N, C-alpha and C. Protein backbone atom coordinates (compact mmCIF):
# COMPACT_ATOMS: atom_id res chain seq x y z
N UNK A 1 56.39 -9.23 29.75
CA UNK A 1 56.51 -7.86 30.62
C UNK A 1 56.85 -6.80 29.70
N UNK A 2 56.21 -5.86 30.48
CA UNK A 2 56.94 -4.22 29.77
C UNK A 2 57.93 -3.83 30.32
N UNK A 3 58.45 -2.86 29.49
CA UNK A 3 59.56 -2.37 30.14
C UNK A 3 59.14 -0.92 30.62
N UNK A 4 59.40 -0.78 32.34
CA UNK A 4 58.97 0.95 32.32
C UNK A 4 60.02 1.64 32.43
N UNK A 5 61.45 1.21 32.24
CA UNK A 5 62.37 2.20 32.15
C UNK A 5 62.48 3.03 30.99
N UNK A 6 62.57 4.54 31.50
CA UNK A 6 62.63 5.66 30.23
C UNK A 6 63.42 5.59 29.14
N UNK A 7 63.16 5.78 28.00
CA UNK A 7 64.26 5.57 26.82
C UNK A 7 65.01 6.96 26.92
N UNK A 8 66.38 6.92 26.45
CA UNK A 8 66.86 8.35 26.50
C UNK A 8 66.61 9.46 25.72
N UNK A 9 65.76 8.87 24.50
CA UNK A 9 65.44 9.82 23.27
C UNK A 9 64.22 10.72 23.92
N UNK A 10 63.20 10.22 24.59
CA UNK A 10 62.26 11.01 25.37
C UNK A 10 62.50 11.79 26.45
N UNK A 11 62.49 13.25 26.35
CA UNK A 11 62.67 13.82 27.63
C UNK A 11 61.58 14.22 28.63
N UNK A 12 61.86 14.00 29.86
CA UNK A 12 60.77 14.01 30.57
C UNK A 12 59.66 14.83 31.06
N UNK A 13 58.76 14.72 31.25
CA UNK A 13 57.48 15.59 30.98
C UNK A 13 57.21 15.91 32.48
N UNK A 14 57.25 17.35 32.66
CA UNK A 14 56.64 17.96 34.29
C UNK A 14 55.71 18.94 34.09
N UNK A 15 55.04 19.01 35.07
CA UNK A 15 54.10 20.57 35.05
C UNK A 15 55.06 21.41 34.66
N UNK A 16 56.18 21.71 35.54
CA UNK A 16 57.23 22.74 35.48
C UNK A 16 57.44 22.78 33.83
N UNK A 17 57.97 21.73 33.10
CA UNK A 17 58.53 22.07 31.97
C UNK A 17 57.24 22.52 31.11
N UNK A 18 56.25 22.06 30.97
CA UNK A 18 55.07 22.43 30.21
C UNK A 18 54.99 23.72 30.49
N UNK A 19 55.20 24.37 31.65
CA UNK A 19 54.41 25.80 32.28
C UNK A 19 55.70 26.72 31.63
N UNK A 20 56.93 26.40 31.61
CA UNK A 20 57.92 26.92 30.75
C UNK A 20 57.88 27.28 29.40
N UNK A 21 57.83 26.15 28.49
CA UNK A 21 57.23 26.01 26.98
C UNK A 21 56.01 26.83 27.00
N UNK A 22 54.91 27.10 27.94
CA UNK A 22 53.88 27.77 27.43
C UNK A 22 53.97 29.32 27.57
N UNK A 23 55.03 29.61 28.42
CA UNK A 23 55.31 30.95 28.89
C UNK A 23 56.02 31.44 27.79
N UNK A 24 57.26 30.74 27.48
CA UNK A 24 58.28 31.22 25.86
C UNK A 24 57.04 31.18 24.60
N UNK A 25 56.32 30.40 24.62
CA UNK A 25 55.17 30.44 23.43
C UNK A 25 54.56 31.85 23.73
N UNK A 26 53.77 32.10 25.01
CA UNK A 26 53.14 33.35 24.71
C UNK A 26 54.06 34.45 24.67
N UNK A 27 54.96 34.23 25.61
CA UNK A 27 55.94 35.71 25.30
C UNK A 27 56.33 36.14 23.86
N UNK A 28 55.99 35.23 22.55
CA UNK A 28 56.28 35.53 21.45
C UNK A 28 55.20 36.02 20.97
N UNK A 29 53.81 36.09 21.55
CA UNK A 29 52.76 36.60 20.56
C UNK A 29 52.96 38.29 20.83
N UNK A 30 52.81 38.52 19.70
CA UNK A 30 52.63 40.23 19.70
C UNK A 30 51.12 40.81 19.51
N UNK A 31 50.27 40.31 20.19
CA UNK A 31 49.12 41.14 20.24
C UNK A 31 48.74 42.90 20.83
N UNK A 32 47.87 43.05 20.08
CA UNK A 32 47.41 44.25 20.45
C UNK A 32 45.63 44.08 20.59
N UNK A 33 45.25 45.05 21.17
CA UNK A 33 43.62 45.14 21.88
C UNK A 33 42.80 46.34 21.05
N UNK A 34 41.90 46.25 20.24
CA UNK A 34 41.47 47.07 19.60
C UNK A 34 40.41 47.52 20.41
N UNK A 35 40.75 48.90 20.77
CA UNK A 35 39.76 49.65 21.64
C UNK A 35 38.58 50.51 21.27
N UNK A 36 38.40 50.40 19.68
CA UNK A 36 37.56 51.23 18.93
C UNK A 36 36.41 50.84 19.00
N UNK A 37 35.18 51.32 19.20
CA UNK A 37 33.91 51.15 19.24
C UNK A 37 33.28 51.30 17.77
N UNK A 38 32.37 49.99 17.07
CA UNK A 38 31.99 50.29 15.90
C UNK A 38 30.44 50.39 15.73
N UNK A 39 29.88 51.08 14.75
CA UNK A 39 28.61 50.90 14.55
C UNK A 39 27.83 51.14 13.27
N UNK A 40 27.04 51.44 12.80
CA UNK A 40 26.18 51.93 12.06
C UNK A 40 25.80 52.94 11.51
N UNK A 41 25.91 53.57 10.57
CA UNK A 41 25.45 55.39 10.19
C UNK A 41 23.72 54.87 10.20
N UNK A 42 23.19 55.53 11.03
CA UNK A 42 21.44 55.34 10.70
C UNK A 42 20.58 56.26 9.91
N UNK A 43 21.21 57.33 9.62
CA UNK A 43 20.83 58.40 8.83
C UNK A 43 21.77 59.50 8.31
N UNK A 44 21.46 60.00 7.00
CA UNK A 44 22.80 61.02 6.63
C UNK A 44 22.40 61.91 6.02
N UNK A 45 22.59 63.28 5.84
CA UNK A 45 22.29 64.32 4.95
C UNK A 45 22.74 65.52 5.31
N UNK A 46 23.00 66.41 4.43
CA UNK A 46 23.46 67.60 4.70
C UNK A 46 24.93 67.81 5.34
N UNK A 47 25.76 66.64 5.05
CA UNK A 47 27.05 66.77 5.79
C UNK A 47 26.92 66.09 7.26
N UNK A 48 25.81 65.82 7.61
CA UNK A 48 25.72 65.28 8.97
C UNK A 48 25.53 63.75 9.06
N UNK A 49 26.10 62.85 9.98
CA UNK A 49 25.71 61.60 9.84
C UNK A 49 25.34 61.36 11.66
N UNK A 50 24.20 60.77 11.61
CA UNK A 50 23.65 60.00 12.75
C UNK A 50 23.60 58.46 12.77
N UNK A 51 24.73 58.50 13.93
CA UNK A 51 25.32 56.85 14.11
C UNK A 51 24.68 56.28 15.56
N UNK A 52 24.14 55.40 15.59
CA UNK A 52 23.42 54.46 16.79
C UNK A 52 24.49 53.47 17.27
N UNK A 53 24.37 53.57 18.55
CA UNK A 53 25.12 52.49 19.41
C UNK A 53 26.65 53.01 19.57
N UNK A 54 27.10 54.43 19.53
CA UNK A 54 28.28 54.43 20.03
C UNK A 54 28.29 55.30 21.33
N UNK A 55 28.30 54.15 22.33
CA UNK A 55 28.39 54.55 23.75
C UNK A 55 29.35 55.34 24.16
N UNK A 56 30.74 54.60 23.58
CA UNK A 56 31.79 55.49 24.29
C UNK A 56 32.58 56.74 23.34
N UNK A 57 31.72 56.94 22.43
CA UNK A 57 32.15 58.56 22.00
C UNK A 57 32.04 59.75 22.70
N UNK A 58 33.09 60.50 22.31
CA UNK A 58 33.32 61.62 23.27
C UNK A 58 32.89 62.86 22.21
N UNK A 59 32.60 64.01 23.21
CA UNK A 59 32.36 65.14 22.35
C UNK A 59 33.60 65.75 21.76
N UNK A 60 33.27 66.17 20.24
CA UNK A 60 34.51 66.78 19.85
C UNK A 60 36.06 65.33 19.42
N UNK A 61 35.17 64.39 19.63
CA UNK A 61 36.11 62.74 19.06
C UNK A 61 35.88 62.66 17.58
N UNK A 62 37.17 62.40 16.82
CA UNK A 62 37.45 62.16 15.32
C UNK A 62 36.97 61.08 15.28
N UNK A 63 35.64 60.68 14.24
CA UNK A 63 35.03 59.36 13.86
C UNK A 63 35.61 58.87 12.53
N UNK A 64 35.74 57.62 12.17
CA UNK A 64 36.06 57.39 11.10
C UNK A 64 34.96 56.74 10.33
N UNK A 65 34.54 56.97 9.21
CA UNK A 65 33.37 56.27 8.49
C UNK A 65 33.92 55.37 7.51
N UNK A 66 33.70 54.36 6.82
CA UNK A 66 33.96 53.77 5.68
C UNK A 66 32.78 53.58 4.82
N UNK A 67 32.94 54.20 3.93
CA UNK A 67 31.94 54.08 2.39
C UNK A 67 31.90 52.74 1.99
N UNK A 68 30.69 52.10 2.11
CA UNK A 68 30.62 50.81 1.34
C UNK A 68 30.68 50.77 -0.48
N UNK A 69 30.35 51.98 -0.43
CA UNK A 69 30.43 52.33 -2.10
C UNK A 69 32.06 52.66 -2.36
N UNK A 70 33.04 53.10 -1.87
CA UNK A 70 33.99 53.53 -2.52
C UNK A 70 35.15 52.80 -2.01
N UNK A 71 34.72 52.27 -0.20
CA UNK A 71 35.82 51.70 0.36
C UNK A 71 36.72 52.45 0.81
N UNK A 72 36.78 53.69 0.70
CA UNK A 72 37.41 54.88 1.43
C UNK A 72 36.98 55.49 2.48
N UNK A 73 37.89 55.87 3.17
CA UNK A 73 37.34 56.54 4.74
C UNK A 73 36.94 57.72 4.76
N UNK A 74 35.97 58.37 5.41
CA UNK A 74 35.75 59.58 5.62
C UNK A 74 35.58 59.65 7.15
N UNK A 75 36.07 61.22 7.63
CA UNK A 75 36.59 61.76 8.84
C UNK A 75 35.21 62.53 9.62
N UNK A 76 34.80 62.50 10.75
CA UNK A 76 33.69 63.07 11.06
C UNK A 76 34.15 63.81 12.49
N UNK A 77 33.41 64.68 13.05
CA UNK A 77 33.27 65.14 14.25
C UNK A 77 32.47 64.85 15.13
N UNK A 78 32.58 64.04 16.35
CA UNK A 78 31.26 64.10 17.01
C UNK A 78 30.74 65.12 17.68
N UNK A 79 29.52 65.69 17.67
CA UNK A 79 28.74 66.56 17.92
C UNK A 79 27.82 66.50 19.08
N UNK A 80 26.86 65.88 18.36
CA UNK A 80 25.64 65.83 19.52
C UNK A 80 26.01 64.17 20.08
N UNK A 81 25.90 64.32 21.41
CA UNK A 81 25.85 63.11 22.04
C UNK A 81 24.62 62.68 22.78
N UNK A 82 23.72 62.23 22.26
CA UNK A 82 22.38 61.68 22.93
C UNK A 82 22.30 60.28 23.01
N UNK A 83 22.01 59.95 24.18
CA UNK A 83 21.53 58.35 24.84
C UNK A 83 21.88 57.19 23.69
N UNK A 84 21.03 57.47 22.77
CA UNK A 84 20.84 56.69 21.86
C UNK A 84 21.88 56.69 20.35
N UNK A 85 21.82 57.73 19.89
CA UNK A 85 22.95 58.19 18.99
C UNK A 85 24.05 59.38 19.16
N UNK A 86 24.75 59.55 17.99
CA UNK A 86 25.59 60.46 18.16
C UNK A 86 25.32 61.52 16.81
N UNK A 87 25.67 62.36 16.67
CA UNK A 87 25.59 63.18 15.39
C UNK A 87 26.97 63.59 15.31
N UNK A 88 27.36 63.66 13.71
CA UNK A 88 28.58 64.02 13.49
C UNK A 88 28.58 64.61 12.23
N UNK A 89 29.39 65.86 12.02
CA UNK A 89 29.76 66.73 10.89
C UNK A 89 30.75 65.97 10.34
N UNK A 90 30.74 65.72 8.78
CA UNK A 90 31.35 64.63 7.98
C UNK A 90 32.40 65.80 7.38
N UNK A 91 33.68 65.42 7.08
CA UNK A 91 34.83 66.03 6.81
C UNK A 91 34.95 65.41 5.36
N UNK A 92 35.22 66.20 4.20
CA UNK A 92 35.87 65.57 2.91
C UNK A 92 34.57 64.92 2.12
N UNK A 93 34.52 63.95 1.39
CA UNK A 93 33.28 63.36 0.77
C UNK A 93 32.38 62.90 1.19
N UNK A 94 31.64 63.57 1.93
CA UNK A 94 30.35 63.40 2.91
C UNK A 94 29.32 62.59 1.97
N UNK A 95 29.05 62.76 0.69
CA UNK A 95 28.46 62.28 -0.27
C UNK A 95 28.32 60.91 -0.28
N UNK A 96 29.75 60.41 0.06
CA UNK A 96 30.26 58.94 -0.15
C UNK A 96 29.45 58.03 1.21
N UNK A 97 29.29 58.68 2.11
CA UNK A 97 28.67 57.80 3.00
C UNK A 97 27.13 57.84 3.16
N UNK A 98 26.76 56.42 3.20
CA UNK A 98 25.22 55.95 3.32
C UNK A 98 24.72 55.50 4.31
N UNK A 99 23.36 55.25 4.49
CA UNK A 99 23.06 54.49 5.52
C UNK A 99 23.59 53.41 5.41
N UNK A 100 23.76 52.57 6.89
CA UNK A 100 24.41 51.25 7.05
C UNK A 100 25.94 51.07 6.94
N UNK A 101 26.57 52.40 6.41
CA UNK A 101 28.26 52.38 6.46
C UNK A 101 28.36 52.28 8.01
N UNK A 102 30.00 51.89 7.97
CA UNK A 102 30.63 51.78 9.07
C UNK A 102 31.04 52.76 9.64
N UNK A 103 31.00 53.02 11.01
CA UNK A 103 31.52 54.35 11.68
C UNK A 103 32.38 53.81 13.19
N UNK A 104 33.10 54.19 13.28
CA UNK A 104 34.21 53.74 14.59
C UNK A 104 34.83 54.80 15.25
N UNK A 105 34.91 54.91 16.34
CA UNK A 105 35.47 55.88 17.26
C UNK A 105 37.18 55.69 17.11
N UNK A 106 37.97 56.49 17.21
CA UNK A 106 39.09 56.78 17.22
C UNK A 106 39.78 56.95 18.34
N UNK A 107 39.03 57.53 19.32
CA UNK A 107 39.76 57.62 20.92
C UNK A 107 40.24 58.78 21.00
N UNK A 108 40.37 60.15 19.99
CA UNK A 108 41.36 61.00 19.83
C UNK A 108 40.18 61.96 19.51
N UNK A 109 40.21 63.11 20.92
CA UNK A 109 39.34 64.29 20.40
C UNK A 109 40.36 65.36 19.67
N UNK A 110 39.52 65.82 18.62
CA UNK A 110 40.38 66.67 17.22
C UNK A 110 40.86 67.85 18.14
N UNK A 111 42.03 68.22 17.98
CA UNK A 111 42.91 69.29 18.48
C UNK A 111 43.50 69.93 17.31
N UNK A 112 44.39 71.14 17.69
CA UNK A 112 44.62 71.97 16.91
C UNK A 112 46.33 72.42 17.67
N UNK A 113 46.98 72.59 16.77
CA UNK A 113 48.38 73.54 17.48
C UNK A 113 48.06 74.89 18.14
N UNK A 114 48.82 75.03 18.98
CA UNK A 114 48.63 76.20 19.55
C UNK A 114 49.87 76.71 20.48
N UNK A 115 50.14 78.07 20.52
CA UNK A 115 51.51 77.99 21.22
C UNK A 115 50.98 79.03 22.79
N UNK A 116 52.06 78.63 23.40
CA UNK A 116 51.87 79.40 24.87
C UNK A 116 52.88 80.13 24.88
N UNK A 117 53.16 81.41 25.21
CA UNK A 117 54.08 82.50 25.47
C UNK A 117 54.47 82.02 26.55
N UNK A 118 56.08 82.33 26.79
CA UNK A 118 56.83 82.15 27.82
C UNK A 118 58.08 82.98 27.69
N UNK A 119 58.29 83.55 28.98
CA UNK A 119 59.50 84.48 28.60
C UNK A 119 60.83 83.69 28.76
N UNK A 120 61.55 84.50 27.85
CA UNK A 120 63.04 83.79 27.69
C UNK A 120 63.74 83.54 28.89
N UNK A 121 63.57 84.70 29.54
CA UNK A 121 64.41 84.91 30.75
C UNK A 121 63.68 83.85 32.04
N UNK A 122 63.07 83.50 32.35
CA UNK A 122 62.18 82.53 33.06
C UNK A 122 62.56 81.36 32.93
N UNK A 123 63.19 81.22 31.61
CA UNK A 123 63.59 79.67 31.17
C UNK A 123 64.96 79.41 30.82
N UNK A 124 65.73 78.62 31.77
CA UNK A 124 67.18 78.58 31.18
C UNK A 124 67.17 77.84 30.19
N UNK A 125 66.29 76.87 29.77
CA UNK A 125 66.46 76.11 28.68
C UNK A 125 66.36 77.31 27.73
N UNK A 126 65.97 78.17 27.63
CA UNK A 126 65.82 79.19 26.19
C UNK A 126 66.74 80.63 26.42
N UNK A 127 67.28 80.42 27.75
CA UNK A 127 68.08 81.79 28.04
C UNK A 127 69.13 82.22 27.27
N UNK A 128 69.73 81.05 26.68
CA UNK A 128 71.02 81.05 25.71
C UNK A 128 70.54 81.68 24.61
N UNK A 129 69.27 81.66 23.79
CA UNK A 129 69.11 82.15 22.68
C UNK A 129 68.44 83.20 22.85
N UNK A 130 69.20 84.30 21.87
CA UNK A 130 69.02 85.62 21.68
C UNK A 130 67.75 85.66 20.77
N UNK A 131 66.73 86.29 21.24
CA UNK A 131 65.57 86.72 20.29
C UNK A 131 64.81 87.99 20.15
N UNK A 132 65.01 88.70 19.30
CA UNK A 132 64.75 89.85 19.24
C UNK A 132 63.56 90.50 20.07
N UNK A 133 62.50 89.68 20.21
CA UNK A 133 61.30 89.99 20.83
C UNK A 133 61.27 89.59 22.49
N UNK A 134 62.30 88.84 22.96
CA UNK A 134 62.50 88.48 24.23
C UNK A 134 61.58 87.32 24.50
N UNK A 135 60.56 86.86 23.53
CA UNK A 135 59.76 85.80 24.05
C UNK A 135 60.24 84.77 23.00
N UNK A 136 59.66 83.40 23.97
CA UNK A 136 59.50 82.21 22.83
C UNK A 136 58.28 81.42 22.86
N UNK A 137 57.86 81.05 22.10
CA UNK A 137 56.23 80.41 22.27
C UNK A 137 56.71 78.72 22.23
N UNK A 138 56.13 78.26 23.19
CA UNK A 138 56.37 76.57 23.24
C UNK A 138 54.97 76.24 22.55
N UNK A 139 55.29 75.29 21.47
CA UNK A 139 54.49 74.27 20.92
C UNK A 139 53.11 73.45 21.92
N UNK A 140 52.25 73.60 21.76
CA UNK A 140 51.22 72.73 22.52
C UNK A 140 50.22 72.34 21.61
N UNK A 141 49.24 71.51 21.99
CA UNK A 141 47.99 71.23 21.20
C UNK A 141 47.25 71.40 22.05
N UNK A 142 45.63 71.79 21.74
CA UNK A 142 44.66 72.28 22.49
C UNK A 142 43.40 71.34 21.81
N UNK A 143 42.44 71.08 22.26
CA UNK A 143 41.19 70.54 21.74
C UNK A 143 40.49 71.69 21.06
N UNK A 144 39.87 71.74 20.02
CA UNK A 144 39.35 72.39 18.87
C UNK A 144 38.12 73.20 19.79
N UNK A 145 37.50 72.43 20.56
CA UNK A 145 36.26 73.32 21.57
C UNK A 145 36.80 73.21 22.96
N UNK A 146 37.21 74.35 23.15
CA UNK A 146 37.47 74.88 24.78
C UNK A 146 36.96 76.03 25.12
N UNK A 147 36.67 76.44 26.48
CA UNK A 147 36.35 77.75 26.87
C UNK A 147 37.28 78.36 26.78
N UNK A 148 36.80 79.81 26.23
CA UNK A 148 37.89 81.01 26.04
C UNK A 148 38.35 81.22 27.54
N UNK A 149 39.59 81.56 27.65
CA UNK A 149 40.41 82.25 28.95
C UNK A 149 39.40 83.38 29.71
N UNK A 150 39.08 84.24 28.96
CA UNK A 150 38.00 85.29 29.58
C UNK A 150 36.57 84.83 30.43
N UNK A 151 36.16 83.43 29.48
CA UNK A 151 35.04 82.75 30.02
C UNK A 151 35.33 82.49 31.25
N UNK A 152 36.29 81.71 31.22
CA UNK A 152 37.11 80.83 32.33
C UNK A 152 37.05 81.65 33.73
N UNK A 153 37.48 82.98 33.61
CA UNK A 153 37.96 83.80 34.31
C UNK A 153 36.54 84.34 35.09
N UNK A 154 35.71 84.75 34.14
CA UNK A 154 34.21 84.96 34.83
C UNK A 154 33.44 84.04 35.29
N UNK A 155 33.92 82.73 34.80
CA UNK A 155 32.91 81.17 35.71
C UNK A 155 33.69 81.32 36.96
N UNK A 156 35.06 81.37 37.30
CA UNK A 156 35.67 81.40 38.62
C UNK A 156 35.49 82.62 39.57
N UNK A 157 35.38 83.84 38.89
CA UNK A 157 35.01 84.93 39.64
C UNK A 157 33.43 85.12 40.34
N UNK A 158 32.78 84.32 39.80
CA UNK A 158 31.37 84.30 39.97
C UNK A 158 30.96 83.45 41.71
N UNK A 159 30.35 84.03 42.61
CA UNK A 159 29.84 83.78 43.89
C UNK A 159 28.73 83.75 44.02
N UNK A 160 27.89 83.01 44.30
CA UNK A 160 26.48 82.87 44.84
C UNK A 160 25.86 83.73 45.78
N UNK A 161 25.16 84.30 45.93
CA UNK A 161 24.47 85.34 46.90
C UNK A 161 22.84 85.25 46.78
N UNK A 162 22.52 86.48 47.82
CA UNK A 162 21.23 85.97 47.98
C UNK A 162 20.30 86.32 46.57
N UNK A 163 20.93 87.24 45.87
CA UNK A 163 20.08 87.56 44.43
C UNK A 163 20.63 86.78 43.25
N UNK A 164 21.38 85.56 43.41
CA UNK A 164 21.79 85.04 42.43
C UNK A 164 23.48 85.18 42.63
N UNK A 165 24.13 84.89 41.34
CA UNK A 165 25.22 85.03 41.00
C UNK A 165 25.93 86.22 40.71
N UNK A 166 26.79 86.71 41.39
CA UNK A 166 27.43 88.02 41.19
C UNK A 166 29.29 87.78 41.10
N UNK A 167 29.96 88.85 40.84
CA UNK A 167 31.22 89.16 40.52
C UNK A 167 31.59 89.55 42.25
N UNK A 168 32.73 89.40 42.61
CA UNK A 168 33.57 90.11 43.64
C UNK A 168 34.61 90.91 43.28
């Protein structure tokens, strides 16, 4: 005869207990998702690299190249976005990058610090600071490639007419 009673040493197994244990263990996992796209350099010369297969690269994006010769990283700026390839200007040790070296997208469009003027009187945050010029510059960042304000104004001021676009 077999004993069907449970011994006190063994905890009861239930779907609820299994689910709780799994959720506790999943909560301790610190996973990150790498959203970089990687490909290989197909040709390089005169400080320009051509990379095939980077479908998600953006114009002006900073690309990271890894030299198989030195193991060091060289950065480049995505310029020409063709259907099959991306042309990038290399910064730094461009001679270290060869055909077959790895290239990764960074997801970061290259930018520079820029200052936006604002009147001290128009901002209570800055009003208590006395400044000889009466102006304060707020730090911001701009992509290195953007349309100049004068061009933007001209584009928005154009209207289509029977003889083509003209200003108003």
